[in-house]
Each structure stands twice: as structure tokens, then as C-alpha cells.
């Protein structure tokens, strides 16, 4: 009887480990979802490149985006705050990239004249940076 319980315990432990590892990539825990922004990440990458965001930020996946003026956007989806002012939510991120001065009046981040859809697309891309 005891041997059967041990086998069951091992089976449960192995199953739990398999579930935990299925949400990992390269040893890092990965979220099971991406926040809904109403945008398209591929279109966001195009907007980021066209608007020259990489002249100020280092942005993975964007050719030549190695700027050092603004913070690097590596692992953006894991951050809890945006600009040190707002919780990292899709609504706040769209608001920030669309009109940074409305969040932080003296920010060095320029208003790029993004449409609402462009801001949603940029947000969708940034949330892919895990």
C-alpha cells in the first residue's frame, strides 16, 4: 500500500513539474497570455521603426534600436510601472506613448503624434518583449 502511494506521489510531482516547465523559455517563466491592447504587434514594430524610437531606446527586435537616452525596453512586459508613474496596464501604456507629457509634464520623451491605433500597436509590440 505504501509503495502505491509513493508511486502516485512521484507521478503527481512529475506532472506538476511538466506543467511548470511548459510555461518556461530558456529557464525563464513566461506569461500564459499577452495583455489586450487592441493593437497589432507587427504593425507596432513598423511604427516604432518609422518614428525612430530606437534613437533613444534600446528595443529588441527593432533594427538599429540601440539608443541610450531613454531606458532600454528589454523585458518591458515584466515591468510593473511605466515611466515610474503609472501601473503597467494596456490603457496606461497607450496613454503614455500617445501623450507622454500628460503623464509626466517634464519628461524628455517627445510626443510623436501617434494616432490611437498606432499607440495600441506600439503597446502590443512592447508587451511581446518578455
N, C-alpha and C. Protein backbone atom coordinates (compact mmCIF):
# COMPACT_ATOMS: atom_id res chain seq x y z
N UNK A 1 0.83 -1.19 0.00
CA UNK A 1 0.00 0.00 0.00
C UNK A 1 0.87 1.26 0.00
N UNK A 2 1.91 1.25 0.83
CA UNK A 2 2.79 2.41 0.92
C UNK A 2 3.51 2.64 -0.40
N UNK A 3 3.91 1.57 -1.07
CA UNK A 3 4.60 1.68 -2.35
C UNK A 3 3.69 2.32 -3.40
N UNK A 4 2.42 2.00 -3.39
CA UNK A 4 1.45 2.59 -4.32
C UNK A 4 1.30 4.09 -4.10
N UNK A 5 1.26 4.51 -2.83
CA UNK A 5 1.15 5.93 -2.52
C UNK A 5 2.40 6.68 -2.97
N UNK A 6 3.58 6.05 -2.82
CA UNK A 6 4.82 6.70 -3.25
C UNK A 6 4.82 6.88 -4.76
N UNK A 7 4.36 5.85 -5.50
CA UNK A 7 4.31 5.96 -6.96
C UNK A 7 3.35 7.07 -7.38
N UNK A 8 2.21 7.14 -6.71
CA UNK A 8 1.25 8.19 -7.00
C UNK A 8 1.86 9.57 -6.72
N UNK A 9 2.57 9.67 -5.60
CA UNK A 9 3.22 10.94 -5.25
C UNK A 9 4.24 11.36 -6.30
N UNK A 10 5.03 10.40 -6.78
CA UNK A 10 6.01 10.71 -7.83
C UNK A 10 5.32 11.14 -9.11
N UNK A 11 4.23 10.47 -9.45
CA UNK A 11 3.50 10.81 -10.67
C UNK A 11 2.94 12.22 -10.58
N UNK A 12 2.40 12.59 -9.43
CA UNK A 12 1.87 13.94 -9.24
C UNK A 12 2.99 14.97 -9.34
N UNK A 13 4.13 14.69 -8.72
CA UNK A 13 5.27 15.62 -8.76
C UNK A 13 5.77 15.80 -10.19
N UNK A 14 5.86 14.73 -10.94
CA UNK A 14 6.32 14.83 -12.33
C UNK A 14 5.33 15.62 -13.17
N UNK A 15 4.05 15.39 -12.98
CA UNK A 15 3.03 16.14 -13.72
C UNK A 15 3.09 17.62 -13.39
N UNK A 16 3.27 17.96 -12.11
CA UNK A 16 3.36 19.36 -11.71
C UNK A 16 4.59 20.02 -12.33
N UNK A 17 5.71 19.31 -12.36
CA UNK A 17 6.92 19.86 -12.97
C UNK A 17 6.73 20.08 -14.47
N UNK A 18 6.05 19.16 -15.13
CA UNK A 18 5.80 19.31 -16.57
C UNK A 18 4.94 20.53 -16.85
N UNK A 19 3.93 20.75 -16.04
CA UNK A 19 3.08 21.93 -16.21
C UNK A 19 3.89 23.20 -15.99
N UNK A 20 4.70 23.23 -14.94
CA UNK A 20 5.52 24.41 -14.65
C UNK A 20 6.50 24.69 -15.78
N UNK A 21 7.13 23.67 -16.30
CA UNK A 21 8.13 23.86 -17.36
C UNK A 21 7.50 24.25 -18.69
N UNK A 22 6.24 23.91 -18.89
CA UNK A 22 5.60 24.25 -20.16
C UNK A 22 5.43 25.75 -20.32
N UNK A 23 5.51 26.51 -19.24
CA UNK A 23 5.39 27.96 -19.33
C UNK A 23 6.75 28.64 -19.19
N UNK A 24 7.83 27.92 -19.49
CA UNK A 24 9.18 28.47 -19.42
C UNK A 24 9.83 28.48 -20.80
N UNK A 25 10.70 29.45 -21.00
CA UNK A 25 11.53 29.50 -22.19
C UNK A 25 12.92 29.89 -21.74
N UNK A 26 13.89 29.09 -22.08
CA UNK A 26 15.27 29.34 -21.68
C UNK A 26 15.41 29.52 -20.17
N UNK A 27 14.62 28.76 -19.41
CA UNK A 27 14.71 28.83 -17.96
C UNK A 27 13.97 29.99 -17.33
N UNK A 28 13.29 30.80 -18.15
CA UNK A 28 12.56 31.95 -17.61
C UNK A 28 11.07 31.66 -17.66
N UNK A 29 10.37 32.04 -16.60
CA UNK A 29 8.91 31.86 -16.59
C UNK A 29 8.30 32.80 -17.62
N UNK A 30 7.33 32.32 -18.36
CA UNK A 30 6.69 33.11 -19.38
C UNK A 30 5.21 33.26 -19.04
N UNK A 31 4.64 34.43 -19.27
CA UNK A 31 3.21 34.57 -19.03
C UNK A 31 2.43 33.72 -20.02
N UNK A 32 1.25 33.30 -19.62
CA UNK A 32 0.43 32.47 -20.49
C UNK A 32 -0.43 33.30 -21.43
N UNK A 33 -0.31 34.62 -21.39
CA UNK A 33 -1.12 35.49 -22.22
C UNK A 33 -0.37 36.79 -22.46
N UNK A 34 -0.82 37.53 -23.45
CA UNK A 34 -0.34 38.88 -23.68
C UNK A 34 -1.50 39.82 -23.38
N UNK A 35 -1.25 40.95 -22.74
CA UNK A 35 -2.33 41.88 -22.45
C UNK A 35 -3.01 42.34 -23.74
N UNK A 36 -4.29 42.55 -23.67
CA UNK A 36 -5.06 43.02 -24.82
C UNK A 36 -4.94 44.53 -24.93
N UNK A 37 -4.40 44.96 -26.06
CA UNK A 37 -4.21 46.39 -26.28
C UNK A 37 -5.12 46.92 -27.37
N UNK A 38 -5.71 46.01 -28.14
CA UNK A 38 -6.47 46.44 -29.31
C UNK A 38 -5.56 46.74 -30.47
N UNK A 39 -4.28 46.35 -30.33
CA UNK A 39 -3.30 46.63 -31.38
C UNK A 39 -2.71 45.38 -31.96
N UNK A 40 -1.85 45.59 -32.95
CA UNK A 40 -1.18 44.52 -33.66
C UNK A 40 0.32 44.70 -33.47
N UNK A 41 0.98 43.70 -32.89
CA UNK A 41 2.40 43.82 -32.56
C UNK A 41 3.27 44.02 -33.80
N UNK A 42 2.94 43.36 -34.90
CA UNK A 42 3.73 43.53 -36.13
C UNK A 42 3.63 44.96 -36.65
N UNK A 43 2.43 45.51 -36.62
CA UNK A 43 2.25 46.91 -37.02
C UNK A 43 2.98 47.83 -36.05
N UNK A 44 2.99 47.46 -34.77
CA UNK A 44 3.70 48.26 -33.77
C UNK A 44 5.18 48.33 -34.03
N UNK A 45 5.78 47.22 -34.47
CA UNK A 45 7.21 47.20 -34.79
C UNK A 45 7.50 48.18 -35.93
N UNK A 46 6.60 48.24 -36.90
CA UNK A 46 6.76 49.17 -38.03
C UNK A 46 6.68 50.62 -37.53
N UNK A 47 5.70 50.91 -36.69
CA UNK A 47 5.55 52.26 -36.15
C UNK A 47 6.79 52.66 -35.36
N UNK A 48 7.27 51.75 -34.52
CA UNK A 48 8.46 52.02 -33.70
C UNK A 48 9.65 52.35 -34.59
N UNK A 49 9.84 51.58 -35.66
CA UNK A 49 10.95 51.84 -36.58
C UNK A 49 10.76 53.16 -37.32
N UNK A 50 9.55 53.43 -37.82
CA UNK A 50 9.28 54.65 -38.59
C UNK A 50 9.42 55.91 -37.74
N UNK A 51 9.00 55.84 -36.50
CA UNK A 51 9.04 57.03 -35.64
C UNK A 51 10.41 57.24 -35.01
N UNK A 52 11.33 56.29 -35.21
CA UNK A 52 12.70 56.46 -34.71
C UNK A 52 12.85 56.27 -33.21
N UNK A 53 11.99 55.45 -32.61
CA UNK A 53 12.06 55.23 -31.17
C UNK A 53 13.42 54.68 -30.74
N UNK A 54 14.07 53.95 -31.65
CA UNK A 54 15.37 53.36 -31.36
C UNK A 54 16.50 54.36 -31.28
N UNK A 55 16.25 55.62 -31.63
CA UNK A 55 17.30 56.63 -31.47
C UNK A 55 17.46 57.00 -29.99
N UNK A 56 16.44 56.72 -29.20
CA UNK A 56 16.50 56.99 -27.75
C UNK A 56 16.50 55.72 -26.91
N UNK A 57 15.88 54.65 -27.41
CA UNK A 57 15.72 53.42 -26.63
C UNK A 57 16.42 52.25 -27.30
N UNK A 58 16.90 51.32 -26.50
CA UNK A 58 17.31 50.01 -26.99
C UNK A 58 16.05 49.15 -26.99
N UNK A 59 15.70 48.62 -28.16
CA UNK A 59 14.45 47.88 -28.30
C UNK A 59 14.73 46.57 -29.03
N UNK A 60 14.61 45.45 -28.34
CA UNK A 60 14.83 44.16 -29.01
C UNK A 60 13.91 43.98 -30.21
N UNK A 61 14.49 43.43 -31.28
CA UNK A 61 13.70 43.13 -32.46
C UNK A 61 13.54 44.29 -33.43
N UNK A 62 14.04 45.46 -33.07
CA UNK A 62 13.95 46.62 -33.96
C UNK A 62 15.35 46.95 -34.44
N UNK A 63 15.57 46.84 -35.74
CA UNK A 63 16.90 47.05 -36.32
C UNK A 63 17.43 48.44 -35.97
N UNK A 64 18.64 48.49 -35.44
CA UNK A 64 19.32 49.74 -35.13
C UNK A 64 18.82 50.44 -33.87
N UNK A 65 17.91 49.82 -33.14
CA UNK A 65 17.35 50.46 -31.94
C UNK A 65 18.29 50.23 -30.76
N UNK A 66 19.29 51.09 -30.68
CA UNK A 66 20.30 50.96 -29.63
C UNK A 66 20.52 52.28 -28.89
N UNK A 67 19.48 53.09 -28.81
CA UNK A 67 19.58 54.38 -28.15
C UNK A 67 19.85 54.26 -26.66
N UNK A 68 20.50 55.28 -26.13
CA UNK A 68 20.86 55.30 -24.71
C UNK A 68 20.27 56.49 -23.96
N UNK A 69 19.42 57.27 -24.61
CA UNK A 69 18.81 58.43 -23.96
C UNK A 69 17.70 58.00 -23.00
N UNK A 70 16.78 57.20 -23.51
CA UNK A 70 15.69 56.68 -22.69
C UNK A 70 16.06 55.30 -22.16
N UNK A 71 15.24 54.75 -21.31
CA UNK A 71 15.56 53.43 -20.75
C UNK A 71 15.47 52.34 -21.82
N UNK A 72 16.30 51.30 -21.68
CA UNK A 72 16.15 50.17 -22.59
C UNK A 72 14.80 49.51 -22.34
N UNK A 73 14.19 49.01 -23.40
CA UNK A 73 12.85 48.43 -23.27
C UNK A 73 12.89 46.90 -23.23
N UNK A 74 14.04 46.36 -22.90
CA UNK A 74 14.19 44.92 -22.71
C UNK A 74 13.21 44.45 -21.64
N UNK A 75 12.60 43.32 -21.83
CA UNK A 75 11.69 42.72 -20.84
C UNK A 75 10.56 43.67 -20.42
N UNK A 76 10.10 44.50 -21.35
CA UNK A 76 9.10 45.50 -20.98
C UNK A 76 7.86 44.89 -20.35
N UNK A 77 7.43 43.74 -20.84
CA UNK A 77 6.19 43.15 -20.33
C UNK A 77 6.29 42.73 -18.87
N UNK A 78 7.49 42.61 -18.35
CA UNK A 78 7.68 42.21 -16.96
C UNK A 78 7.68 43.40 -15.99
N UNK A 79 7.68 44.59 -16.51
CA UNK A 79 7.76 45.77 -15.65
C UNK A 79 6.42 46.04 -14.97
N UNK A 80 6.50 46.57 -13.78
CA UNK A 80 5.27 46.88 -13.06
C UNK A 80 4.84 48.32 -13.23
N UNK A 81 5.78 49.19 -13.61
CA UNK A 81 5.47 50.61 -13.74
C UNK A 81 5.89 51.13 -15.11
N UNK A 82 5.21 52.17 -15.56
CA UNK A 82 5.54 52.88 -16.79
C UNK A 82 6.02 54.26 -16.40
N UNK A 83 7.21 54.62 -16.83
CA UNK A 83 7.80 55.94 -16.56
C UNK A 83 7.86 56.24 -15.07
N UNK A 84 7.85 55.22 -14.24
CA UNK A 84 7.90 55.44 -12.80
C UNK A 84 6.66 56.12 -12.24
N UNK A 85 5.61 56.20 -13.06
CA UNK A 85 4.41 56.96 -12.67
C UNK A 85 3.13 56.14 -12.67
N UNK A 86 3.02 55.21 -13.61
CA UNK A 86 1.75 54.51 -13.82
C UNK A 86 1.92 53.00 -13.72
N UNK A 87 0.93 52.30 -13.18
CA UNK A 87 0.97 50.84 -13.25
C UNK A 87 1.00 50.41 -14.72
N UNK A 88 1.73 49.35 -15.01
CA UNK A 88 1.87 48.87 -16.38
C UNK A 88 0.62 48.10 -16.79
N UNK A 89 -0.34 48.85 -17.33
CA UNK A 89 -1.56 48.27 -17.89
C UNK A 89 -1.66 48.70 -19.35
N UNK A 90 -2.40 47.97 -20.17
CA UNK A 90 -2.54 48.38 -21.57
C UNK A 90 -3.08 49.81 -21.73
N UNK A 91 -4.06 50.17 -20.94
CA UNK A 91 -4.64 51.52 -21.06
C UNK A 91 -3.61 52.59 -20.72
N UNK A 92 -2.84 52.36 -19.65
CA UNK A 92 -1.83 53.34 -19.26
C UNK A 92 -0.70 53.42 -20.28
N UNK A 93 -0.31 52.28 -20.84
CA UNK A 93 0.76 52.30 -21.82
C UNK A 93 0.33 53.04 -23.08
N UNK A 94 -0.87 52.80 -23.54
CA UNK A 94 -1.38 53.52 -24.72
C UNK A 94 -1.39 55.01 -24.44
N UNK A 95 -1.86 55.40 -23.27
CA UNK A 95 -1.88 56.81 -22.89
C UNK A 95 -0.47 57.40 -22.86
N UNK A 96 0.47 56.67 -22.29
CA UNK A 96 1.85 57.14 -22.18
C UNK A 96 2.49 57.34 -23.56
N UNK A 97 2.41 56.36 -24.44
CA UNK A 97 3.08 56.51 -25.73
C UNK A 97 2.38 57.51 -26.63
N UNK A 98 1.11 57.73 -26.40
CA UNK A 98 0.37 58.70 -27.21
C UNK A 98 0.62 60.13 -26.76
N UNK A 99 0.70 60.34 -25.44
CA UNK A 99 0.88 61.70 -24.92
C UNK A 99 1.69 61.66 -23.61
N UNK A 100 3.01 61.49 -23.71
CA UNK A 100 3.82 61.34 -22.51
C UNK A 100 3.73 62.53 -21.55
N UNK A 101 3.60 63.74 -22.09
CA UNK A 101 3.54 64.92 -21.21
C UNK A 101 2.27 64.98 -20.38
N UNK A 102 1.23 64.27 -20.80
CA UNK A 102 0.01 64.25 -19.99
C UNK A 102 0.20 63.40 -18.74
N UNK A 103 1.22 62.55 -18.74
CA UNK A 103 1.54 61.72 -17.59
C UNK A 103 2.64 62.37 -16.75
N UNK A 104 3.68 62.81 -17.41
CA UNK A 104 4.82 63.42 -16.73
C UNK A 104 5.21 64.67 -17.51
N UNK A 105 4.83 65.83 -16.97
CA UNK A 105 4.97 67.10 -17.70
C UNK A 105 6.39 67.38 -18.18
N UNK A 106 7.39 67.02 -17.40
CA UNK A 106 8.77 67.37 -17.76
C UNK A 106 9.55 66.21 -18.36
N UNK A 107 8.87 65.22 -18.87
CA UNK A 107 9.56 64.08 -19.46
C UNK A 107 10.33 64.49 -20.71
N UNK A 108 11.42 63.80 -20.96
CA UNK A 108 12.19 64.03 -22.18
C UNK A 108 11.57 63.29 -23.36
N UNK A 109 10.64 62.38 -23.09
CA UNK A 109 10.02 61.62 -24.18
C UNK A 109 9.13 62.57 -25.00
N UNK A 110 9.39 62.63 -26.29
CA UNK A 110 8.61 63.55 -27.13
C UNK A 110 7.23 62.99 -27.45
N UNK A 111 6.32 63.89 -27.75
CA UNK A 111 5.03 63.49 -28.28
C UNK A 111 5.25 63.21 -29.76
N UNK A 112 5.06 61.98 -30.18
CA UNK A 112 5.34 61.58 -31.55
C UNK A 112 4.15 61.72 -32.49
N UNK A 113 3.04 62.22 -31.97
CA UNK A 113 1.86 62.40 -32.82
C UNK A 113 1.22 61.10 -33.24
N UNK A 114 1.30 60.08 -32.37
CA UNK A 114 0.71 58.79 -32.70
C UNK A 114 -0.81 58.86 -32.68
N UNK A 115 -1.42 58.17 -33.61
CA UNK A 115 -2.87 58.00 -33.56
C UNK A 115 -3.17 57.00 -32.44
N UNK A 116 -4.43 56.89 -32.09
CA UNK A 116 -4.81 55.92 -31.08
C UNK A 116 -4.43 54.51 -31.53
N UNK A 117 -4.67 54.17 -32.79
CA UNK A 117 -4.34 52.82 -33.27
C UNK A 117 -2.84 52.60 -33.29
N UNK A 118 -2.06 53.57 -33.69
CA UNK A 118 -0.60 53.42 -33.66
C UNK A 118 -0.11 53.19 -32.24
N UNK A 119 -0.67 53.92 -31.28
CA UNK A 119 -0.28 53.74 -29.88
C UNK A 119 -0.64 52.33 -29.40
N UNK A 120 -1.80 51.84 -29.81
CA UNK A 120 -2.21 50.48 -29.44
C UNK A 120 -1.28 49.44 -30.08
N UNK A 121 -0.87 49.69 -31.30
CA UNK A 121 0.05 48.78 -31.99
C UNK A 121 1.42 48.77 -31.30
N UNK A 122 1.92 49.95 -30.94
CA UNK A 122 3.20 50.05 -30.22
C UNK A 122 3.10 49.31 -28.89
N UNK A 123 2.01 49.51 -28.18
CA UNK A 123 1.81 48.82 -26.90
C UNK A 123 1.80 47.31 -27.11
N UNK A 124 1.12 46.85 -28.14
CA UNK A 124 1.07 45.41 -28.42
C UNK A 124 2.49 44.87 -28.64
N UNK A 125 3.31 45.62 -29.37
CA UNK A 125 4.70 45.17 -29.59
C UNK A 125 5.48 45.14 -28.28
N UNK A 126 5.37 46.20 -27.50
CA UNK A 126 6.14 46.26 -26.25
C UNK A 126 5.79 45.11 -25.31
N UNK A 127 4.54 44.68 -25.31
CA UNK A 127 4.15 43.57 -24.46
C UNK A 127 4.68 42.22 -24.95
N UNK A 128 5.22 42.17 -26.17
CA UNK A 128 5.86 40.94 -26.61
C UNK A 128 7.27 40.82 -26.07
N UNK A 129 7.81 41.89 -25.50
CA UNK A 129 9.19 41.89 -25.00
C UNK A 129 9.23 41.27 -23.62
N UNK A 130 9.44 39.96 -23.60
CA UNK A 130 9.37 39.19 -22.38
C UNK A 130 10.73 38.80 -21.93
